[in-house]
Each structure stands twice: as structure tokens, then as C-alpha cells.
Amino acid sequence: MPLEDAEVRQAMALALRLLGRREHSAYELSVKLERRGIPGETVEKVIAECLRLGYLDERRAAAELAESLKRRGFGSLRLRRELFRRRLIPSEEEHLPAGFQDPKEEAEAACRAAEKKWPTLGRTPSLPARKAKLERFLRSRGFSEPALREALKGVAAGETAEDQ
């Protein structure tokens, strides 16, 4: 599709600047373009052209998001929520595509997050209260129940070793 219209060319330039910063889903990009006052028909043309040229790729956007959240210490539930928010999966209950979250990797990430957070909870007077705070923290990071149990078990084992 030739970009014959000046408005379409201008919208395409804006889309390319946005895509140059990070991957976007088609939904995200269309919302950003519309917020900047670009008419819906023009947005549709730009999205179609970006998809045709391979500038927009939903799978690539999902993979980049998954990698970013993993690096920042978030779990599979948070990933699922973000994928849904960006319209990369049809529902929050949707299973993650293969390769997006390995349960063993998630448990290791939860243990790392728990180890990092645990010392900051030292002012909490009782051990059960510290563990409850840690559990709330890990839940807020979007870790699944198995990963949560693994992390809390690791903290409990570390705490009993320190007591001896």
C-alpha cells in the first residue's frame, strides 16, 4: 500500500517512532495513535501496513514483554495479566504460550525475590508476620501458588538454619 496521503505518512512516521522504542501490540499502537488525534480510518491503514511489513508482530511483542517481566522479577500471573491488558491473549485465564514461563524458572525467580525482600522485613516483630508480608509481596509480583510455596519453603528453611 503506498502511503499516498500526507496524514497517513505522518501517522506512519509516528508509528515507526513508537515501534522504535519497543515492541507494541496492534491494540497498543492503535490506542497510542488515536490518543494523538489520528482518525480511526488512518490508524487502521497504518496498522495494516505495519503488519504487512513485519514491523508489528504480536508474538514478538509478547516474547519481549515476557522477557522484560522475568528480568524485573515478576511471575506468570503478572505476565498473563499484562498480555491480556495489551490484547496479546484473549483472556486472563488463557494459558501462556509454550516457552513463556517455565514453572521451575518461575520458582527460582520467586526464591530470588524472596531472598532479596526478606532482609528488608527485619523490623517486623514476629516470624509469622514477616512471612505474611513476604507472601503478600510475592503475590503482588504475580507469582503462581507453586512458586510461592517454593519461595516460602526456602525462607522457612533459611530461618531455621539461622536459628541454630
N, C-alpha and C. Protein backbone atom coordinates (compact mmCIF):
# COMPACT_ATOMS: atom_id res chain seq x y z
N MET A 1 0.84 -1.18 0.00
CA MET A 1 0.00 0.00 0.00
C MET A 1 0.89 1.24 0.00
N PRO A 2 0.83 2.02 -1.01
CA PRO A 2 1.61 3.25 -1.00
C PRO A 2 1.01 4.23 -0.01
N LEU A 3 1.87 4.96 0.63
CA LEU A 3 1.42 5.94 1.61
C LEU A 3 1.19 7.27 0.90
N GLU A 4 0.06 7.32 0.16
CA GLU A 4 -0.23 8.45 -0.70
C GLU A 4 -0.66 9.70 0.07
N ASP A 5 -1.36 9.53 1.11
CA ASP A 5 -1.93 10.63 1.87
C ASP A 5 -0.92 11.18 2.88
N ALA A 6 -0.81 12.50 2.98
CA ALA A 6 0.12 13.12 3.93
C ALA A 6 -0.22 12.72 5.36
N GLU A 7 -1.51 12.62 5.66
CA GLU A 7 -1.94 12.25 7.02
C GLU A 7 -1.49 10.82 7.34
N VAL A 8 -1.59 9.93 6.38
CA VAL A 8 -1.17 8.53 6.57
C VAL A 8 0.34 8.48 6.74
N ARG A 9 1.07 9.23 5.92
CA ARG A 9 2.53 9.26 6.05
C ARG A 9 2.96 9.78 7.42
N GLN A 10 2.30 10.82 7.87
CA GLN A 10 2.62 11.40 9.18
C GLN A 10 2.31 10.39 10.29
N ALA A 11 1.17 9.72 10.19
CA ALA A 11 0.79 8.71 11.18
C ALA A 11 1.77 7.54 11.16
N MET A 12 2.20 7.16 9.96
CA MET A 12 3.17 6.06 9.82
C MET A 12 4.49 6.44 10.47
N ALA A 13 4.93 7.69 10.29
CA ALA A 13 6.18 8.15 10.90
C ALA A 13 6.07 8.09 12.42
N LEU A 14 4.93 8.48 12.96
CA LEU A 14 4.72 8.42 14.40
C LEU A 14 4.74 6.96 14.88
N ALA A 15 4.06 6.10 14.13
CA ALA A 15 4.03 4.68 14.49
C ALA A 15 5.43 4.10 14.50
N LEU A 16 6.24 4.45 13.53
CA LEU A 16 7.61 3.93 13.47
C LEU A 16 8.45 4.44 14.63
N ARG A 17 8.23 5.68 15.04
CA ARG A 17 8.95 6.19 16.21
C ARG A 17 8.56 5.41 17.47
N LEU A 18 7.28 5.14 17.62
CA LEU A 18 6.81 4.37 18.77
C LEU A 18 7.36 2.95 18.74
N LEU A 19 7.35 2.34 17.57
CA LEU A 19 7.86 0.97 17.44
C LEU A 19 9.37 0.91 17.58
N GLY A 20 10.04 2.01 17.34
CA GLY A 20 11.48 2.07 17.50
C GLY A 20 11.91 2.01 18.96
N ARG A 21 11.02 2.41 19.84
CA ARG A 21 11.33 2.39 21.28
C ARG A 21 11.18 1.00 21.88
N ARG A 22 10.09 0.31 21.49
CA ARG A 22 9.83 -1.04 21.98
C ARG A 22 8.75 -1.68 21.14
N GLU A 23 8.60 -2.98 21.28
CA GLU A 23 7.55 -3.70 20.57
C GLU A 23 6.19 -3.27 21.13
N HIS A 24 5.19 -3.25 20.30
CA HIS A 24 3.83 -2.96 20.70
C HIS A 24 2.91 -4.00 20.09
N SER A 25 1.77 -4.21 20.74
CA SER A 25 0.71 -5.00 20.10
C SER A 25 -0.02 -4.05 19.16
N ALA A 26 -0.78 -4.62 18.24
CA ALA A 26 -1.56 -3.78 17.32
C ALA A 26 -2.54 -2.92 18.12
N TYR A 27 -3.10 -3.50 19.17
CA TYR A 27 -4.04 -2.76 20.02
C TYR A 27 -3.35 -1.56 20.67
N GLU A 28 -2.20 -1.79 21.29
CA GLU A 28 -1.47 -0.70 21.95
C GLU A 28 -1.13 0.43 20.99
N LEU A 29 -0.63 0.05 19.83
CA LEU A 29 -0.23 1.05 18.85
C LEU A 29 -1.44 1.85 18.38
N SER A 30 -2.55 1.17 18.14
CA SER A 30 -3.75 1.89 17.68
C SER A 30 -4.25 2.86 18.75
N VAL A 31 -4.21 2.44 20.02
CA VAL A 31 -4.63 3.33 21.11
C VAL A 31 -3.73 4.56 21.17
N LYS A 32 -2.42 4.36 21.07
CA LYS A 32 -1.49 5.49 21.13
C LYS A 32 -1.68 6.45 19.96
N LEU A 33 -1.92 5.90 18.78
CA LEU A 33 -2.14 6.76 17.62
C LEU A 33 -3.45 7.55 17.76
N GLU A 34 -4.49 6.88 18.22
CA GLU A 34 -5.78 7.56 18.39
C GLU A 34 -5.71 8.64 19.46
N ARG A 35 -4.95 8.39 20.53
CA ARG A 35 -4.78 9.41 21.58
C ARG A 35 -4.12 10.67 21.05
N ARG A 36 -3.35 10.51 20.00
CA ARG A 36 -2.67 11.66 19.41
C ARG A 36 -3.51 12.32 18.31
N GLY A 37 -4.78 11.94 18.26
CA GLY A 37 -5.71 12.61 17.37
C GLY A 37 -5.75 12.09 15.95
N ILE A 38 -5.20 10.93 15.71
CA ILE A 38 -5.22 10.36 14.36
C ILE A 38 -6.55 9.64 14.16
N PRO A 39 -7.25 9.93 13.07
CA PRO A 39 -8.56 9.31 12.83
C PRO A 39 -8.47 7.78 12.72
N GLY A 40 -9.55 7.11 13.11
CA GLY A 40 -9.60 5.65 13.13
C GLY A 40 -9.27 5.00 11.80
N GLU A 41 -9.77 5.58 10.70
CA GLU A 41 -9.52 5.01 9.38
C GLU A 41 -8.02 5.06 9.03
N THR A 42 -7.37 6.13 9.40
CA THR A 42 -5.93 6.27 9.16
C THR A 42 -5.16 5.29 10.03
N VAL A 43 -5.60 5.15 11.28
CA VAL A 43 -4.95 4.20 12.20
C VAL A 43 -5.03 2.80 11.63
N GLU A 44 -6.18 2.42 11.10
CA GLU A 44 -6.34 1.09 10.52
C GLU A 44 -5.37 0.87 9.36
N LYS A 45 -5.21 1.88 8.52
CA LYS A 45 -4.29 1.78 7.38
C LYS A 45 -2.85 1.59 7.87
N VAL A 46 -2.48 2.38 8.89
CA VAL A 46 -1.11 2.31 9.42
C VAL A 46 -0.86 0.95 10.07
N ILE A 47 -1.81 0.47 10.84
CA ILE A 47 -1.67 -0.84 11.50
C ILE A 47 -1.53 -1.93 10.43
N ALA A 48 -2.38 -1.88 9.42
CA ALA A 48 -2.31 -2.88 8.34
C ALA A 48 -0.95 -2.84 7.65
N GLU A 49 -0.45 -1.65 7.40
CA GLU A 49 0.86 -1.52 6.73
C GLU A 49 1.99 -2.03 7.63
N CYS A 50 1.92 -1.70 8.90
CA CYS A 50 2.96 -2.18 9.83
C CYS A 50 2.94 -3.70 9.95
N LEU A 51 1.75 -4.29 9.95
CA LEU A 51 1.65 -5.75 9.99
C LEU A 51 2.19 -6.35 8.70
N ARG A 52 1.83 -5.76 7.58
CA ARG A 52 2.28 -6.27 6.28
C ARG A 52 3.80 -6.24 6.17
N LEU A 53 4.40 -5.17 6.68
CA LEU A 53 5.86 -5.02 6.59
C LEU A 53 6.62 -5.78 7.69
N GLY A 54 5.87 -6.34 8.65
CA GLY A 54 6.52 -7.07 9.73
C GLY A 54 7.03 -6.18 10.86
N TYR A 55 6.63 -4.92 10.86
CA TYR A 55 7.04 -4.02 11.94
C TYR A 55 6.27 -4.31 13.22
N LEU A 56 5.07 -4.81 13.06
CA LEU A 56 4.24 -5.23 14.18
C LEU A 56 4.18 -6.75 14.15
N ASP A 57 4.45 -7.37 15.27
CA ASP A 57 4.40 -8.82 15.37
C ASP A 57 3.95 -9.16 16.79
N GLU A 58 2.74 -9.67 16.91
CA GLU A 58 2.15 -9.94 18.22
C GLU A 58 2.99 -10.95 19.02
N ARG A 59 3.46 -11.97 18.36
CA ARG A 59 4.27 -12.99 19.06
C ARG A 59 5.58 -12.38 19.57
N ARG A 60 6.21 -11.56 18.76
CA ARG A 60 7.45 -10.90 19.17
C ARG A 60 7.20 -9.93 20.32
N ALA A 61 6.08 -9.21 20.28
CA ALA A 61 5.74 -8.28 21.36
C ALA A 61 5.50 -9.05 22.66
N ALA A 62 4.81 -10.18 22.57
CA ALA A 62 4.55 -10.99 23.76
C ALA A 62 5.85 -11.55 24.34
N ALA A 63 6.74 -12.01 23.47
CA ALA A 63 8.02 -12.56 23.94
C ALA A 63 8.87 -11.47 24.60
N GLU A 64 8.89 -10.28 24.02
CA GLU A 64 9.66 -9.19 24.62
C GLU A 64 9.10 -8.80 25.98
N LEU A 65 7.78 -8.75 26.08
CA LEU A 65 7.14 -8.43 27.35
C LEU A 65 7.46 -9.49 28.40
N ALA A 66 7.38 -10.76 28.00
CA ALA A 66 7.67 -11.85 28.93
C ALA A 66 9.11 -11.76 29.44
N GLU A 67 10.02 -11.50 28.56
CA GLU A 67 11.43 -11.40 28.95
C GLU A 67 11.66 -10.21 29.89
N SER A 68 11.03 -9.10 29.59
CA SER A 68 11.16 -7.91 30.42
C SER A 68 10.63 -8.15 31.83
N LEU A 69 9.46 -8.78 31.92
CA LEU A 69 8.88 -9.04 33.24
C LEU A 69 9.70 -10.07 34.02
N LYS A 70 10.23 -11.06 33.33
CA LYS A 70 11.10 -12.05 34.00
C LYS A 70 12.33 -11.36 34.59
N ARG A 71 12.97 -10.50 33.78
CA ARG A 71 14.17 -9.79 34.25
C ARG A 71 13.86 -8.93 35.47
N ARG A 72 12.66 -8.37 35.51
CA ARG A 72 12.30 -7.47 36.60
C ARG A 72 11.72 -8.22 37.80
N GLY A 73 11.66 -9.55 37.73
CA GLY A 73 11.26 -10.36 38.88
C GLY A 73 9.76 -10.51 39.08
N PHE A 74 9.02 -10.63 38.00
CA PHE A 74 7.58 -10.84 38.09
C PHE A 74 7.26 -12.27 37.70
N GLY A 75 6.10 -12.75 38.16
CA GLY A 75 5.70 -14.13 37.92
C GLY A 75 4.72 -14.30 36.78
N SER A 76 4.27 -15.53 36.60
CA SER A 76 3.42 -15.89 35.46
C SER A 76 2.04 -15.25 35.52
N LEU A 77 1.51 -15.03 36.71
CA LEU A 77 0.19 -14.40 36.81
C LEU A 77 0.26 -12.95 36.34
N ARG A 78 1.33 -12.27 36.71
CA ARG A 78 1.51 -10.88 36.26
C ARG A 78 1.70 -10.84 34.73
N LEU A 79 2.46 -11.79 34.22
CA LEU A 79 2.68 -11.87 32.78
C LEU A 79 1.35 -12.08 32.06
N ARG A 80 0.55 -12.99 32.56
CA ARG A 80 -0.74 -13.27 31.95
C ARG A 80 -1.62 -12.01 31.97
N ARG A 81 -1.62 -11.30 33.09
CA ARG A 81 -2.42 -10.08 33.22
C ARG A 81 -1.95 -9.02 32.21
N GLU A 82 -0.63 -8.86 32.06
CA GLU A 82 -0.10 -7.86 31.13
C GLU A 82 -0.36 -8.25 29.68
N LEU A 83 -0.24 -9.53 29.36
CA LEU A 83 -0.54 -9.98 28.00
C LEU A 83 -2.00 -9.72 27.65
N PHE A 84 -2.87 -9.95 28.61
CA PHE A 84 -4.29 -9.68 28.39
C PHE A 84 -4.54 -8.18 28.25
N ARG A 85 -3.96 -7.38 29.10
CA ARG A 85 -4.14 -5.93 29.07
C ARG A 85 -3.73 -5.36 27.72
N ARG A 86 -2.69 -5.93 27.13
CA ARG A 86 -2.20 -5.46 25.83
C ARG A 86 -2.85 -6.19 24.66
N ARG A 87 -3.88 -6.99 24.96
CA ARG A 87 -4.65 -7.72 23.96
C ARG A 87 -3.79 -8.71 23.17
N LEU A 88 -2.81 -9.31 23.84
CA LEU A 88 -1.97 -10.31 23.19
C LEU A 88 -2.47 -11.73 23.44
N ILE A 89 -3.37 -11.88 24.44
CA ILE A 89 -4.10 -13.14 24.66
C ILE A 89 -5.56 -12.77 24.88
N PRO A 90 -6.50 -13.68 24.57
CA PRO A 90 -7.92 -13.33 24.64
C PRO A 90 -8.51 -13.18 26.04
N SER A 91 -7.91 -13.81 27.06
CA SER A 91 -8.45 -13.68 28.42
C SER A 91 -7.33 -13.89 29.44
N GLU A 92 -7.56 -13.38 30.66
CA GLU A 92 -6.55 -13.54 31.71
C GLU A 92 -6.41 -15.00 32.13
N GLU A 93 -7.44 -15.80 31.90
CA GLU A 93 -7.40 -17.22 32.26
C GLU A 93 -6.67 -18.05 31.21
N GLU A 94 -6.37 -17.43 30.10
CA GLU A 94 -5.68 -18.12 28.99
C GLU A 94 -4.33 -18.68 29.47
N HIS A 95 -4.04 -19.89 29.06
CA HIS A 95 -2.73 -20.46 29.37
C HIS A 95 -1.67 -19.72 28.58
N LEU A 96 -0.52 -19.57 29.20
CA LEU A 96 0.57 -18.90 28.50
C LEU A 96 1.08 -19.79 27.38
N PRO A 97 1.45 -19.19 26.26
CA PRO A 97 2.01 -19.99 25.16
C PRO A 97 3.26 -20.74 25.63
N ALA A 98 3.51 -21.87 25.02
CA ALA A 98 4.67 -22.69 25.38
C ALA A 98 5.94 -21.86 25.32
N GLY A 99 6.77 -22.04 26.31
CA GLY A 99 8.06 -21.35 26.34
C GLY A 99 8.03 -20.00 27.03
N PHE A 100 6.85 -19.53 27.42
CA PHE A 100 6.77 -18.21 28.04
C PHE A 100 7.09 -18.23 29.52
N GLN A 101 6.74 -19.31 30.21
CA GLN A 101 7.05 -19.37 31.63
C GLN A 101 7.24 -20.81 32.04
N ASP A 102 8.45 -21.15 32.35
CA ASP A 102 8.78 -22.47 32.85
C ASP A 102 8.52 -22.46 34.36
N PRO A 103 7.74 -23.43 34.89
CA PRO A 103 7.45 -23.44 36.33
C PRO A 103 8.71 -23.47 37.20
N LYS A 104 9.73 -24.17 36.75
CA LYS A 104 10.97 -24.23 37.52
C LYS A 104 11.65 -22.85 37.55
N GLU A 105 11.70 -22.17 36.39
CA GLU A 105 12.26 -20.81 36.32
C GLU A 105 11.49 -19.85 37.20
N GLU A 106 10.15 -19.98 37.18
CA GLU A 106 9.33 -19.09 37.99
C GLU A 106 9.59 -19.32 39.48
N ALA A 107 9.72 -20.58 39.89
CA ALA A 107 10.01 -20.88 41.29
C ALA A 107 11.37 -20.30 41.69
N GLU A 108 12.35 -20.40 40.81
CA GLU A 108 13.67 -19.83 41.09
C GLU A 108 13.60 -18.31 41.20
N ALA A 109 12.82 -17.68 40.34
CA ALA A 109 12.66 -16.22 40.38
C ALA A 109 11.96 -15.80 41.67
N ALA A 110 10.96 -16.58 42.08
CA ALA A 110 10.26 -16.27 43.33
C ALA A 110 11.21 -16.41 44.52
N CYS A 111 12.07 -17.42 44.50
CA CYS A 111 13.05 -17.61 45.59
C CYS A 111 14.04 -16.44 45.62
N ARG A 112 14.49 -15.99 44.45
CA ARG A 112 15.41 -14.84 44.40
C ARG A 112 14.73 -13.59 44.95
N ALA A 113 13.48 -13.38 44.55
CA ALA A 113 12.75 -12.19 45.03
C ALA A 113 12.55 -12.27 46.54
N ALA A 114 12.25 -13.47 47.05
CA ALA A 114 12.04 -13.65 48.49
C ALA A 114 13.35 -13.41 49.25
N GLU A 115 14.45 -13.93 48.73
CA GLU A 115 15.75 -13.72 49.39
C GLU A 115 16.13 -12.25 49.43
N LYS A 116 15.81 -11.54 48.38
CA LYS A 116 16.13 -10.11 48.32
C LYS A 116 15.23 -9.30 49.26
N LYS A 117 13.96 -9.67 49.34
CA LYS A 117 12.99 -8.93 50.16
C LYS A 117 13.13 -9.25 51.65
N TRP A 118 13.49 -10.47 51.99
CA TRP A 118 13.48 -10.93 53.38
C TRP A 118 14.25 -10.00 54.34
N PRO A 119 15.45 -9.57 54.01
CA PRO A 119 16.18 -8.70 54.95
C PRO A 119 15.47 -7.36 55.21
N THR A 120 14.70 -6.89 54.27
CA THR A 120 14.00 -5.62 54.48
C THR A 120 12.82 -5.76 55.43
N LEU A 121 12.44 -6.98 55.75
CA LEU A 121 11.32 -7.23 56.65
C LEU A 121 11.78 -7.45 58.09
N GLY A 122 13.03 -7.21 58.36
CA GLY A 122 13.62 -7.48 59.67
C GLY A 122 12.99 -6.71 60.82
N ARG A 123 12.37 -5.60 60.54
CA ARG A 123 11.77 -4.79 61.61
C ARG A 123 10.41 -5.34 62.05
N THR A 124 9.86 -6.27 61.27
CA THR A 124 8.58 -6.87 61.64
C THR A 124 8.83 -7.79 62.83
N PRO A 125 8.07 -7.62 63.92
CA PRO A 125 8.39 -8.29 65.19
C PRO A 125 8.34 -9.82 65.19
N SER A 126 7.34 -10.42 64.56
CA SER A 126 7.23 -11.88 64.66
C SER A 126 7.50 -12.54 63.30
N LEU A 127 7.98 -13.76 63.39
CA LEU A 127 8.28 -14.54 62.19
C LEU A 127 7.03 -14.76 61.34
N PRO A 128 5.88 -15.13 61.93
CA PRO A 128 4.68 -15.31 61.09
C PRO A 128 4.27 -14.01 60.37
N ALA A 129 4.42 -12.89 61.03
CA ALA A 129 4.08 -11.60 60.40
C ALA A 129 5.03 -11.30 59.25
N ARG A 130 6.32 -11.61 59.43
CA ARG A 130 7.30 -11.40 58.34
C ARG A 130 6.95 -12.27 57.14
N LYS A 131 6.61 -13.53 57.42
CA LYS A 131 6.27 -14.44 56.33
C LYS A 131 5.00 -13.99 55.61
N ALA A 132 4.03 -13.48 56.38
CA ALA A 132 2.79 -12.98 55.76
C ALA A 132 3.08 -11.79 54.86
N LYS A 133 3.95 -10.89 55.31
CA LYS A 133 4.33 -9.75 54.48
C LYS A 133 5.05 -10.21 53.21
N LEU A 134 5.92 -11.18 53.37
CA LEU A 134 6.66 -11.70 52.22
C LEU A 134 5.70 -12.35 51.23
N GLU A 135 4.74 -13.10 51.76
CA GLU A 135 3.77 -13.74 50.87
C GLU A 135 2.96 -12.70 50.11
N ARG A 136 2.51 -11.64 50.78
CA ARG A 136 1.77 -10.57 50.10
C ARG A 136 2.63 -9.93 49.01
N PHE A 137 3.90 -9.72 49.33
CA PHE A 137 4.82 -9.13 48.34
C PHE A 137 4.93 -10.02 47.11
N LEU A 138 5.14 -11.31 47.32
CA LEU A 138 5.29 -12.24 46.20
C LEU A 138 4.00 -12.35 45.39
N ARG A 139 2.86 -12.32 46.06
CA ARG A 139 1.59 -12.34 45.34
C ARG A 139 1.44 -11.08 44.49
N SER A 140 1.86 -9.95 45.02
CA SER A 140 1.76 -8.70 44.26
C SER A 140 2.66 -8.72 43.03
N ARG A 141 3.71 -9.52 43.06
CA ARG A 141 4.60 -9.66 41.91
C ARG A 141 4.06 -10.65 40.89
N GLY A 142 2.94 -11.31 41.22
CA GLY A 142 2.28 -12.19 40.25
C GLY A 142 2.83 -13.59 40.18
N PHE A 143 3.38 -14.10 41.27
CA PHE A 143 3.89 -15.47 41.25
C PHE A 143 2.75 -16.45 41.48
N SER A 144 2.83 -17.61 40.83
CA SER A 144 1.81 -18.65 40.96
C SER A 144 1.93 -19.32 42.34
N GLU A 145 0.90 -20.07 42.71
CA GLU A 145 0.89 -20.76 44.01
C GLU A 145 2.08 -21.70 44.19
N PRO A 146 2.41 -22.55 43.19
CA PRO A 146 3.57 -23.44 43.39
C PRO A 146 4.87 -22.66 43.60
N ALA A 147 5.06 -21.59 42.85
CA ALA A 147 6.28 -20.78 43.00
C ALA A 147 6.30 -20.11 44.37
N LEU A 148 5.14 -19.64 44.81
CA LEU A 148 5.01 -19.01 46.13
C LEU A 148 5.39 -20.00 47.24
N ARG A 149 4.82 -21.19 47.16
CA ARG A 149 5.11 -22.21 48.18
C ARG A 149 6.60 -22.53 48.23
N GLU A 150 7.21 -22.64 47.06
CA GLU A 150 8.64 -22.94 46.99
C GLU A 150 9.47 -21.84 47.64
N ALA A 151 9.13 -20.61 47.36
CA ALA A 151 9.87 -19.47 47.91
C ALA A 151 9.70 -19.39 49.42
N LEU A 152 8.48 -19.58 49.90
CA LEU A 152 8.23 -19.51 51.34
C LEU A 152 8.89 -20.68 52.07
N LYS A 153 8.92 -21.84 51.40
CA LYS A 153 9.60 -23.00 51.99
C LYS A 153 11.09 -22.71 52.11
N GLY A 154 11.66 -22.07 51.10
CA GLY A 154 13.08 -21.72 51.14
C GLY A 154 13.40 -20.73 52.24
N VAL A 155 12.52 -19.76 52.46
CA VAL A 155 12.73 -18.79 53.53
C VAL A 155 12.62 -19.48 54.89
N ALA A 156 11.65 -20.38 55.03
CA ALA A 156 11.48 -21.10 56.29
C ALA A 156 12.71 -21.95 56.59
N ALA A 157 13.27 -22.60 55.58
CA ALA A 157 14.46 -23.42 55.77
C ALA A 157 15.65 -22.54 56.15
N GLY A 158 15.77 -21.38 55.52
CA GLY A 158 16.85 -20.46 55.85
C GLY A 158 16.73 -19.89 57.24
N GLU A 159 15.51 -19.66 57.68
CA GLU A 159 15.26 -19.09 59.00
C GLU A 159 15.60 -20.11 60.09
N THR A 160 15.27 -21.39 59.87
CA THR A 160 15.57 -22.40 60.90
C THR A 160 17.09 -22.63 60.94
N ALA A 161 17.77 -22.52 59.82
CA ALA A 161 19.22 -22.69 59.80
C ALA A 161 19.90 -21.54 60.56
N GLU A 162 19.35 -20.32 60.45
CA GLU A 162 19.92 -19.19 61.17
C GLU A 162 19.68 -19.28 62.67
N ASP A 163 18.57 -19.94 63.07
CA ASP A 163 18.25 -20.05 64.49
C ASP A 163 19.21 -20.98 65.22
N GLN A 164 19.81 -21.92 64.49
CA GLN A 164 20.67 -22.93 65.15
C GLN A 164 22.04 -22.40 65.44
